[in-house]
């Protein structure tokens, strides 16, 4: 996996789903967009649990179908174990699903797009900004 290929965290995916202008600018900056099995599960749960679940489920499924799917593989599971131990040792817990999302990105050598600051605690995880930095 090379180029501007990225993996999306759930928070970034939701932001893109709800801000079409941001999504357009973001997609112009990247190549393939990947999404992990864990993020897909979180997205679908959120859509099903929403007040407008029928329209949101359909919209989210279209979005997910446009992404490359990252399954939970043996390599992802190994990364998960290492990341979880590293965070526990340092006393830096993050939500369990986010450890899986980080592991999927690390195992597949993909930068992670997120708006969640706690991902900065994950050693070896490269983060990719959702939006371009403002010119100074």
N, C-alpha and C. Protein backbone atom coordinates (compact mmCIF):
# COMPACT_ATOMS: atom_id res chain seq x y z
N UNK A 1 0.84 -1.17 0.00
CA UNK A 1 0.00 0.00 0.00
C UNK A 1 0.89 1.23 0.00
N UNK A 2 0.73 2.05 -1.01
CA UNK A 2 1.61 3.20 -1.18
C UNK A 2 0.81 4.44 -1.50
N UNK A 3 1.52 5.57 -1.64
CA UNK A 3 0.88 6.82 -2.03
C UNK A 3 0.10 7.43 -0.89
N UNK A 4 -0.91 8.18 -1.23
CA UNK A 4 -1.76 8.82 -0.23
C UNK A 4 -2.92 7.94 0.17
N UNK A 5 -2.65 6.67 0.39
CA UNK A 5 -3.68 5.77 0.87
C UNK A 5 -3.80 5.96 2.38
N UNK A 6 -5.02 5.98 2.87
CA UNK A 6 -5.26 6.23 4.28
C UNK A 6 -6.33 5.29 4.81
N UNK A 7 -6.34 5.15 6.13
CA UNK A 7 -7.38 4.40 6.82
C UNK A 7 -8.19 5.39 7.65
N UNK A 8 -9.49 5.21 7.70
CA UNK A 8 -10.36 6.11 8.44
C UNK A 8 -10.73 5.55 9.80
N UNK A 9 -10.63 6.39 10.80
CA UNK A 9 -11.21 6.10 12.10
C UNK A 9 -12.70 6.43 12.01
N UNK A 10 -13.48 5.90 12.90
CA UNK A 10 -14.91 6.14 12.90
C UNK A 10 -15.24 7.62 13.00
N UNK A 11 -14.54 8.35 13.87
CA UNK A 11 -14.83 9.77 14.04
C UNK A 11 -14.61 10.55 12.75
N UNK A 12 -13.55 10.22 12.02
CA UNK A 12 -13.27 10.90 10.75
C UNK A 12 -14.32 10.53 9.71
N UNK A 13 -14.74 9.28 9.67
CA UNK A 13 -15.76 8.85 8.72
C UNK A 13 -17.07 9.58 8.96
N UNK A 14 -17.46 9.72 10.22
CA UNK A 14 -18.70 10.43 10.54
C UNK A 14 -18.59 11.89 10.13
N UNK A 15 -17.44 12.49 10.40
CA UNK A 15 -17.23 13.89 10.01
C UNK A 15 -17.37 14.05 8.49
N UNK A 16 -16.77 13.14 7.73
CA UNK A 16 -16.86 13.19 6.27
C UNK A 16 -18.29 12.96 5.79
N UNK A 17 -19.00 12.05 6.43
CA UNK A 17 -20.39 11.78 6.06
C UNK A 17 -21.29 12.99 6.29
N UNK A 18 -20.96 13.79 7.27
CA UNK A 18 -21.81 14.93 7.65
C UNK A 18 -21.33 16.27 7.10
N UNK A 19 -20.21 16.29 6.39
CA UNK A 19 -19.69 17.54 5.83
C UNK A 19 -19.20 17.26 4.41
N UNK A 20 -20.09 17.40 3.45
CA UNK A 20 -19.78 17.04 2.07
C UNK A 20 -18.69 17.93 1.47
N UNK A 21 -18.61 19.18 1.89
CA UNK A 21 -17.54 20.06 1.41
C UNK A 21 -16.19 19.57 1.89
N UNK A 22 -16.10 19.23 3.17
CA UNK A 22 -14.87 18.67 3.72
C UNK A 22 -14.53 17.36 3.03
N UNK A 23 -15.52 16.51 2.81
CA UNK A 23 -15.31 15.22 2.15
C UNK A 23 -14.74 15.42 0.76
N UNK A 24 -15.26 16.38 0.03
CA UNK A 24 -14.78 16.65 -1.33
C UNK A 24 -13.32 17.09 -1.32
N UNK A 25 -12.99 18.00 -0.42
CA UNK A 25 -11.59 18.48 -0.31
C UNK A 25 -10.66 17.35 0.14
N UNK A 26 -11.12 16.55 1.08
CA UNK A 26 -10.32 15.44 1.60
C UNK A 26 -10.04 14.42 0.50
N UNK A 27 -11.09 14.01 -0.21
CA UNK A 27 -10.93 12.99 -1.25
C UNK A 27 -10.04 13.46 -2.39
N UNK A 28 -9.95 14.76 -2.60
CA UNK A 28 -9.06 15.30 -3.63
C UNK A 28 -7.59 15.17 -3.22
N UNK A 29 -7.33 15.00 -1.92
CA UNK A 29 -5.96 14.92 -1.40
C UNK A 29 -5.45 13.50 -1.23
N UNK A 30 -6.32 12.52 -1.29
CA UNK A 30 -5.91 11.15 -1.00
C UNK A 30 -6.18 10.23 -2.18
N UNK A 31 -5.56 9.06 -2.11
CA UNK A 31 -5.82 8.00 -3.09
C UNK A 31 -6.90 7.09 -2.53
N UNK A 32 -6.54 5.83 -2.33
CA UNK A 32 -7.51 4.87 -1.78
C UNK A 32 -7.80 5.18 -0.32
N UNK A 33 -9.05 4.95 0.05
CA UNK A 33 -9.48 5.13 1.43
C UNK A 33 -9.88 3.74 1.96
N UNK A 34 -9.26 3.36 3.06
CA UNK A 34 -9.50 2.08 3.70
C UNK A 34 -10.30 2.30 4.98
N UNK A 35 -11.04 1.27 5.37
CA UNK A 35 -11.77 1.33 6.63
C UNK A 35 -11.75 -0.07 7.25
N UNK A 36 -11.47 -0.11 8.54
CA UNK A 36 -11.35 -1.40 9.23
C UNK A 36 -12.71 -1.98 9.57
N UNK A 37 -12.71 -3.28 9.80
CA UNK A 37 -13.93 -3.98 10.20
C UNK A 37 -14.52 -3.35 11.46
N UNK A 38 -13.67 -2.94 12.37
CA UNK A 38 -14.15 -2.34 13.62
C UNK A 38 -14.84 -1.02 13.36
N UNK A 39 -14.25 -0.18 12.53
CA UNK A 39 -14.87 1.11 12.21
C UNK A 39 -16.19 0.90 11.47
N UNK A 40 -16.24 -0.08 10.58
CA UNK A 40 -17.49 -0.39 9.88
C UNK A 40 -18.57 -0.77 10.89
N UNK A 41 -18.22 -1.62 11.84
CA UNK A 41 -19.19 -2.01 12.88
C UNK A 41 -19.68 -0.81 13.68
N UNK A 42 -18.76 0.07 14.05
CA UNK A 42 -19.16 1.25 14.82
C UNK A 42 -20.06 2.17 13.99
N UNK A 43 -19.72 2.35 12.71
CA UNK A 43 -20.54 3.19 11.84
C UNK A 43 -21.95 2.63 11.69
N UNK A 44 -22.04 1.34 11.42
CA UNK A 44 -23.36 0.74 11.22
C UNK A 44 -24.20 0.76 12.50
N UNK A 45 -23.54 0.54 13.63
CA UNK A 45 -24.25 0.65 14.91
C UNK A 45 -24.80 2.06 15.09
N UNK A 46 -23.96 3.06 14.85
CA UNK A 46 -24.39 4.44 14.99
C UNK A 46 -25.56 4.77 14.07
N UNK A 47 -25.50 4.29 12.84
CA UNK A 47 -26.59 4.54 11.89
C UNK A 47 -27.87 3.84 12.34
N UNK A 48 -27.75 2.59 12.78
CA UNK A 48 -28.93 1.83 13.23
C UNK A 48 -29.54 2.43 14.50
N UNK A 49 -28.71 3.04 15.31
CA UNK A 49 -29.14 3.60 16.59
C UNK A 49 -29.61 5.04 16.46
N UNK A 50 -29.59 5.60 15.27
CA UNK A 50 -29.95 7.00 15.08
C UNK A 50 -31.46 7.17 14.89
N UNK A 51 -31.91 8.40 15.03
CA UNK A 51 -33.33 8.70 14.84
C UNK A 51 -33.78 8.45 13.41
N UNK A 52 -32.89 8.68 12.45
CA UNK A 52 -33.21 8.46 11.03
C UNK A 52 -32.48 7.22 10.54
N UNK A 53 -32.67 6.11 11.24
CA UNK A 53 -31.86 4.92 10.98
C UNK A 53 -32.00 4.39 9.56
N UNK A 54 -33.16 4.42 8.95
CA UNK A 54 -33.29 3.86 7.60
C UNK A 54 -32.45 4.63 6.59
N UNK A 55 -32.55 5.94 6.60
CA UNK A 55 -31.77 6.73 5.64
C UNK A 55 -30.29 6.72 5.99
N UNK A 56 -29.97 6.73 7.28
CA UNK A 56 -28.56 6.71 7.68
C UNK A 56 -27.88 5.39 7.36
N UNK A 57 -28.56 4.28 7.56
CA UNK A 57 -27.97 2.97 7.24
C UNK A 57 -27.66 2.90 5.75
N UNK A 58 -28.59 3.32 4.92
CA UNK A 58 -28.37 3.29 3.47
C UNK A 58 -27.20 4.21 3.08
N UNK A 59 -27.16 5.41 3.64
CA UNK A 59 -26.09 6.37 3.34
C UNK A 59 -24.74 5.85 3.82
N UNK A 60 -24.69 5.31 5.02
CA UNK A 60 -23.44 4.79 5.56
C UNK A 60 -22.95 3.59 4.76
N UNK A 61 -23.88 2.72 4.34
CA UNK A 61 -23.47 1.55 3.55
C UNK A 61 -22.87 1.98 2.21
N UNK A 62 -23.43 3.01 1.58
CA UNK A 62 -22.86 3.52 0.32
C UNK A 62 -21.45 4.04 0.56
N UNK A 63 -21.26 4.75 1.67
CA UNK A 63 -19.95 5.28 2.02
C UNK A 63 -18.96 4.14 2.25
N UNK A 64 -19.36 3.16 3.03
CA UNK A 64 -18.50 2.01 3.35
C UNK A 64 -18.13 1.25 2.08
N UNK A 65 -19.08 1.08 1.18
CA UNK A 65 -18.83 0.36 -0.07
C UNK A 65 -17.82 1.07 -0.96
N UNK A 66 -17.67 2.39 -0.79
CA UNK A 66 -16.69 3.15 -1.57
C UNK A 66 -15.28 3.05 -0.99
N UNK A 67 -15.16 2.44 0.18
CA UNK A 67 -13.86 2.27 0.83
C UNK A 67 -13.35 0.85 0.62
N UNK A 68 -12.05 0.68 0.78
CA UNK A 68 -11.45 -0.65 0.78
C UNK A 68 -11.56 -1.19 2.21
N UNK A 69 -12.02 -2.42 2.34
CA UNK A 69 -12.28 -3.03 3.64
C UNK A 69 -11.02 -3.68 4.19
N UNK A 70 -10.73 -3.42 5.47
CA UNK A 70 -9.61 -4.06 6.16
C UNK A 70 -10.18 -5.05 7.17
N UNK A 71 -10.04 -6.35 6.90
CA UNK A 71 -10.55 -7.35 7.85
C UNK A 71 -9.61 -7.49 9.05
N UNK A 72 -10.11 -8.13 10.08
CA UNK A 72 -9.26 -8.45 11.22
C UNK A 72 -8.52 -9.74 10.87
N UNK A 73 -7.23 -9.60 10.63
CA UNK A 73 -6.38 -10.73 10.26
C UNK A 73 -5.47 -11.09 11.44
N UNK A 74 -4.68 -12.12 11.25
CA UNK A 74 -3.71 -12.50 12.27
C UNK A 74 -2.73 -11.35 12.53
N UNK A 75 -2.29 -10.68 11.46
CA UNK A 75 -1.35 -9.55 11.60
C UNK A 75 -2.00 -8.41 12.38
N UNK A 76 -3.26 -8.14 12.13
CA UNK A 76 -3.97 -7.09 12.87
C UNK A 76 -4.08 -7.48 14.34
N UNK A 77 -4.40 -8.74 14.61
CA UNK A 77 -4.51 -9.21 15.99
C UNK A 77 -3.18 -9.09 16.74
N UNK A 78 -2.08 -9.40 16.05
CA UNK A 78 -0.77 -9.25 16.68
C UNK A 78 -0.47 -7.79 16.99
N UNK A 79 -0.79 -6.89 16.05
CA UNK A 79 -0.59 -5.46 16.30
C UNK A 79 -1.46 -4.99 17.46
N UNK A 80 -2.69 -5.47 17.51
CA UNK A 80 -3.60 -5.13 18.60
C UNK A 80 -2.97 -5.48 19.95
N UNK A 81 -2.47 -6.70 20.06
CA UNK A 81 -1.87 -7.14 21.33
C UNK A 81 -0.70 -6.25 21.72
N UNK A 82 0.16 -5.93 20.75
CA UNK A 82 1.33 -5.08 21.03
C UNK A 82 0.92 -3.68 21.44
N UNK A 83 -0.04 -3.11 20.71
CA UNK A 83 -0.49 -1.75 21.02
C UNK A 83 -1.17 -1.71 22.39
N UNK A 84 -2.02 -2.67 22.66
CA UNK A 84 -2.72 -2.69 23.95
C UNK A 84 -1.73 -2.80 25.11
N UNK A 85 -0.71 -3.67 24.97
CA UNK A 85 0.29 -3.82 26.02
C UNK A 85 1.10 -2.53 26.18
N UNK A 86 1.47 -1.93 25.06
CA UNK A 86 2.25 -0.68 25.11
C UNK A 86 1.46 0.41 25.83
N UNK A 87 0.18 0.54 25.52
CA UNK A 87 -0.65 1.56 26.16
C UNK A 87 -0.86 1.26 27.64
N UNK A 88 -1.05 -0.02 27.99
CA UNK A 88 -1.23 -0.40 29.40
C UNK A 88 0.04 -0.10 30.19
N UNK A 89 1.19 -0.45 29.62
CA UNK A 89 2.47 -0.23 30.29
C UNK A 89 2.70 1.25 30.56
N UNK A 90 2.31 2.09 29.63
CA UNK A 90 2.50 3.54 29.78
C UNK A 90 1.36 4.21 30.54
N UNK A 91 0.33 3.44 30.89
CA UNK A 91 -0.81 4.02 31.61
C UNK A 91 -1.62 4.98 30.74
N UNK A 92 -1.72 4.66 29.47
CA UNK A 92 -2.42 5.52 28.52
C UNK A 92 -3.58 4.76 27.85
N UNK A 93 -4.62 4.45 28.60
CA UNK A 93 -5.71 3.68 28.00
C UNK A 93 -6.47 4.50 26.95
N UNK A 94 -6.91 3.82 25.90
CA UNK A 94 -7.81 4.41 24.92
C UNK A 94 -8.95 3.41 24.73
N UNK A 95 -10.06 3.84 24.16
CA UNK A 95 -11.18 2.91 23.98
C UNK A 95 -10.76 1.66 23.20
N UNK A 96 -11.28 0.53 23.64
CA UNK A 96 -10.94 -0.77 23.05
C UNK A 96 -11.13 -0.81 21.53
N UNK A 97 -12.27 -0.32 21.00
CA UNK A 97 -12.41 -0.36 19.54
C UNK A 97 -11.32 0.45 18.81
N UNK A 98 -10.86 1.51 19.45
CA UNK A 98 -9.84 2.34 18.81
C UNK A 98 -8.48 1.64 18.76
N UNK A 99 -8.24 0.74 19.70
CA UNK A 99 -7.01 -0.06 19.63
C UNK A 99 -7.07 -0.95 18.39
N UNK A 100 -8.22 -1.55 18.12
CA UNK A 100 -8.38 -2.38 16.93
C UNK A 100 -8.22 -1.55 15.65
N UNK A 101 -8.79 -0.36 15.64
CA UNK A 101 -8.69 0.52 14.47
C UNK A 101 -7.24 0.91 14.24
N UNK A 102 -6.52 1.25 15.31
CA UNK A 102 -5.10 1.58 15.19
C UNK A 102 -4.30 0.37 14.70
N UNK A 103 -4.62 -0.79 15.23
CA UNK A 103 -3.90 -2.01 14.83
C UNK A 103 -4.10 -2.31 13.35
N UNK A 104 -5.30 -2.11 12.85
CA UNK A 104 -5.57 -2.34 11.43
C UNK A 104 -4.73 -1.39 10.57
N UNK A 105 -4.61 -0.15 10.99
CA UNK A 105 -3.80 0.82 10.24
C UNK A 105 -2.32 0.46 10.30
N UNK A 106 -1.82 0.16 11.48
CA UNK A 106 -0.40 -0.19 11.64
C UNK A 106 -0.06 -1.46 10.86
N UNK A 107 -0.87 -2.49 10.98
CA UNK A 107 -0.60 -3.77 10.32
C UNK A 107 -0.59 -3.64 8.80
N UNK A 108 -1.31 -2.65 8.29
CA UNK A 108 -1.40 -2.47 6.84
C UNK A 108 -0.59 -1.27 6.35
N UNK A 109 0.28 -0.75 7.22
CA UNK A 109 1.15 0.38 6.86
C UNK A 109 0.38 1.56 6.28
N UNK A 110 -0.72 1.91 6.94
CA UNK A 110 -1.55 3.01 6.50
C UNK A 110 -1.60 4.10 7.56
N UNK A 111 -1.51 5.36 7.15
CA UNK A 111 -1.75 6.43 8.12
C UNK A 111 -3.23 6.45 8.48
N UNK A 112 -3.52 6.85 9.70
CA UNK A 112 -4.90 6.88 10.18
C UNK A 112 -5.41 8.32 10.18
N UNK A 113 -6.60 8.49 9.64
CA UNK A 113 -7.28 9.78 9.67
C UNK A 113 -8.27 9.74 10.83
N UNK A 114 -8.12 10.68 11.75
CA UNK A 114 -8.97 10.70 12.93
C UNK A 114 -9.07 12.12 13.45
N UNK A 115 -10.08 12.36 14.28
CA UNK A 115 -10.15 13.62 15.00
C UNK A 115 -9.96 13.39 16.49
N UNK A 116 -9.70 12.14 16.86
CA UNK A 116 -9.51 11.76 18.26
C UNK A 116 -8.04 11.89 18.66
N UNK A 117 -7.77 12.75 19.62
CA UNK A 117 -6.41 13.04 20.06
C UNK A 117 -5.74 11.83 20.70
N UNK A 118 -6.49 10.94 21.32
CA UNK A 118 -5.86 9.83 22.04
C UNK A 118 -5.06 8.90 21.13
N UNK A 119 -5.26 8.95 19.83
CA UNK A 119 -4.48 8.11 18.93
C UNK A 119 -3.00 8.52 18.91
N UNK A 120 -2.69 9.73 19.35
CA UNK A 120 -1.29 10.16 19.38
C UNK A 120 -0.48 9.33 20.38
N UNK A 121 -1.14 8.62 21.28
CA UNK A 121 -0.46 7.78 22.26
C UNK A 121 0.00 6.45 21.68
N UNK A 122 -0.45 6.11 20.48
CA UNK A 122 -0.14 4.81 19.89
C UNK A 122 1.19 4.88 19.16
N UNK A 123 2.17 4.18 19.72
CA UNK A 123 3.50 4.14 19.14
C UNK A 123 3.46 3.44 17.77
N UNK A 124 4.10 4.05 16.79
CA UNK A 124 4.19 3.46 15.46
C UNK A 124 3.01 3.80 14.54
N UNK A 125 2.01 4.49 15.07
CA UNK A 125 0.85 4.87 14.26
C UNK A 125 1.11 6.23 13.64
N UNK A 126 0.98 6.31 12.33
CA UNK A 126 1.13 7.58 11.61
C UNK A 126 -0.25 8.17 11.43
N UNK A 127 -0.39 9.45 11.77
CA UNK A 127 -1.68 10.12 11.63
C UNK A 127 -1.68 11.01 10.39
N UNK A 128 -2.81 11.10 9.74
CA UNK A 128 -2.99 11.91 8.53
C UNK A 128 -4.10 12.91 8.84
N UNK A 129 -3.87 14.20 8.55
CA UNK A 129 -4.88 15.20 8.90
C UNK A 129 -6.13 15.09 8.04
N UNK A 130 -7.26 15.30 8.66
CA UNK A 130 -8.53 15.27 7.95
C UNK A 130 -8.66 16.45 7.00
N UNK A 131 -8.16 17.59 7.44
CA UNK A 131 -8.19 18.77 6.58
C UNK A 131 -6.78 19.33 6.46
N UNK A 132 -6.56 20.08 5.41
CA UNK A 132 -5.25 20.67 5.22
C UNK A 132 -5.01 21.74 6.27
N UNK A 133 -3.77 21.87 6.73
CA UNK A 133 -3.47 22.93 7.70
C UNK A 133 -3.74 24.29 7.06
N UNK A 134 -4.18 25.24 7.89
CA UNK A 134 -4.41 26.59 7.40
C UNK A 134 -3.10 27.25 7.01
N UNK A 135 -3.08 28.01 5.89
CA UNK A 135 -1.84 28.71 5.53
C UNK A 135 -1.53 29.79 6.56
N UNK A 136 -0.27 29.98 6.82
CA UNK A 136 0.14 30.99 7.83
C UNK A 136 0.55 32.27 7.20
